[in-house]
Amino acid sequence: MKYLIRARGGKKAAQIWDGQDTACHMATTGGLNPLKYEVFDSTCGFPICQMCQNNSPKPEFGRKEIWAD
């Protein structure tokens, strides 16, 4: 899993990144500019965006469905 984390300033939260959009869809709806973020393989100790957790298909983020990687 990949994460977007803001490069400088602002509130820091790890956004779940699929390569084109965040799990919370903030990148495609204009609420987040991916150019101001860097991609990481871990959360780097930052909390994961709550909306990303709620929208993630991964069971470890609260969804009850079982999804294969």
C-alpha atoms as a PDB file:
ATOM      1  CA  MET A   1       0.000   0.000   0.000  1.00  0.00           C
ATOM      2  CA  LYS A   2       1.221   3.507  -0.818  1.00  0.00           C
ATOM      3  CA  TYR A   3       0.608   6.701   1.108  1.00  0.00           C
ATOM      4  CA  LEU A   4       0.659  10.386   0.161  1.00  0.00           C
ATOM      5  CA  ILE A   5       2.122  12.654   2.826  1.00  0.00           C
ATOM      6  CA  ARG A   6       2.306  16.431   2.532  1.00  0.00           C
ATOM      7  CA  ALA A   7       5.853  17.529   1.778  1.00  0.00           C
ATOM      8  CA  ARG A   8       5.802  20.776   3.790  1.00  0.00           C
ATOM      9  CA  GLY A   9       3.655  22.576   6.330  1.00  0.00           C
ATOM     10  CA  GLY A  10       0.016  22.066   7.065  1.00  0.00           C
ATOM     11  CA  LYS A  11      -1.731  19.309   8.895  1.00  0.00           C
ATOM     12  CA  LYS A  12       0.048  16.009   8.332  1.00  0.00           C
ATOM     13  CA  ALA A  13      -1.962  12.872   7.666  1.00  0.00           C
ATOM     14  CA  ALA A  14      -1.130   9.905   5.472  1.00  0.00           C
ATOM     15  CA  GLN A  15      -3.543   9.582   2.557  1.00  0.00           C
ATOM     16  CA  ILE A  16      -4.061   6.070   1.134  1.00  0.00           C
ATOM     17  CA  TRP A  17      -2.881   6.344  -2.485  1.00  0.00           C
ATOM     18  CA  ASP A  18      -3.719   3.993  -5.371  1.00  0.00           C
ATOM     19  CA  GLY A  19      -1.510   5.751  -7.912  1.00  0.00           C
ATOM     20  CA  GLN A  20      -4.291   7.936  -9.319  1.00  0.00           C
ATOM     21  CA  ASP A  21      -6.469   8.998  -6.392  1.00  0.00           C
ATOM     22  CA  THR A  22      -6.704   8.822  -2.629  1.00  0.00           C
ATOM     23  CA  ALA A  23      -9.150   6.408  -0.971  1.00  0.00           C
ATOM     24  CA  CYS A  24     -11.157   9.452   0.187  1.00  0.00           C
ATOM     25  CA  HIS A  25     -11.243  10.804  -3.419  1.00  0.00           C
ATOM     26  CA  MET A  26      -9.873  14.181  -2.323  1.00  0.00           C
ATOM     27  CA  ALA A  27      -7.322  14.215  -5.175  1.00  0.00           C
ATOM     28  CA  THR A  28      -9.921  13.897  -7.943  1.00  0.00           C
ATOM     29  CA  THR A  29     -12.480  16.215  -6.350  1.00  0.00           C
ATOM     30  CA  GLY A  30      -9.976  19.061  -5.907  1.00  0.00           C
ATOM     31  CA  GLY A  31      -9.676  18.995  -2.130  1.00  0.00           C
ATOM     32  CA  LEU A  32      -6.046  17.907  -2.259  1.00  0.00           C
ATOM     33  CA  ASN A  33      -3.278  18.743  -4.746  1.00  0.00           C
ATOM     34  CA  PRO A  34      -1.122  15.595  -5.195  1.00  0.00           C
ATOM     35  CA  LEU A  35       1.773  17.745  -6.440  1.00  0.00           C
ATOM     36  CA  LYS A  36       2.243  19.051  -2.892  1.00  0.00           C
ATOM     37  CA  TYR A  37       2.588  15.503  -1.545  1.00  0.00           C
ATOM     38  CA  GLU A  38       5.200  12.759  -1.707  1.00  0.00           C
ATOM     39  CA  VAL A  39       4.527   9.020  -2.074  1.00  0.00           C
ATOM     40  CA  PHE A  40       5.764   6.661   0.657  1.00  0.00           C
ATOM     41  CA  ASP A  41       5.501   2.915   1.339  1.00  0.00           C
ATOM     42  CA  SER A  42       4.622   3.571   4.992  1.00  0.00           C
ATOM     43  CA  THR A  43       2.707   6.186   6.976  1.00  0.00           C
ATOM     44  CA  CYS A  44       6.005   7.508   8.391  1.00  0.00           C
ATOM     45  CA  GLY A  45       4.316   7.626  11.794  1.00  0.00           C
ATOM     46  CA  PHE A  46       1.529   9.982  10.724  1.00  0.00           C
ATOM     47  CA  PRO A  47      -2.123   9.112  11.331  1.00  0.00           C
ATOM     48  CA  ILE A  48      -4.074   7.837   8.324  1.00  0.00           C
ATOM     49  CA  CYS A  49      -6.762  10.167   6.996  1.00  0.00           C
ATOM     50  CA  GLN A  50     -10.072   9.176   8.615  1.00  0.00           C
ATOM     51  CA  MET A  51     -12.002   9.431   5.332  1.00  0.00           C
ATOM     52  CA  CYS A  52      -9.401   7.222   3.634  1.00  0.00           C
ATOM     53  CA  GLN A  53      -9.843   4.637   6.399  1.00  0.00           C
ATOM     54  CA  ASN A  54     -13.622   4.717   6.017  1.00  0.00           C
ATOM     55  CA  ASN A  55     -13.452   4.326   2.223  1.00  0.00           C
ATOM     56  CA  SER A  56     -10.628   1.804   2.059  1.00  0.00           C
ATOM     57  CA  PRO A  57     -11.537  -1.715   0.888  1.00  0.00           C
ATOM     58  CA  LYS A  58      -8.847  -3.140   3.194  1.00  0.00           C
ATOM     59  CA  PRO A  59     -10.225  -5.029   6.239  1.00  0.00           C
ATOM     60  CA  GLU A  60      -7.608  -3.507   8.569  1.00  0.00           C
ATOM     61  CA  PHE A  61      -9.259  -0.109   8.106  1.00  0.00           C
ATOM     62  CA  GLY A  62     -12.687  -1.090   9.322  1.00  0.00           C
ATOM     63  CA  ARG A  63     -14.440  -2.516   6.265  1.00  0.00           C
ATOM     64  CA  LYS A  64     -15.984  -5.895   6.873  1.00  0.00           C
ATOM     65  CA  GLU A  65     -15.657  -7.208   3.329  1.00  0.00           C
ATOM     66  CA  ILE A  66     -12.704  -9.452   2.581  1.00  0.00           C
ATOM     67  CA  TRP A  67     -10.642  -8.227  -0.340  1.00  0.00           C
ATOM     68  CA  ALA A  68      -7.720  -9.970  -1.976  1.00  0.00           C
ATOM     69  CA  ASP A  69      -4.554  -7.978  -2.622  1.00  0.00           C
END
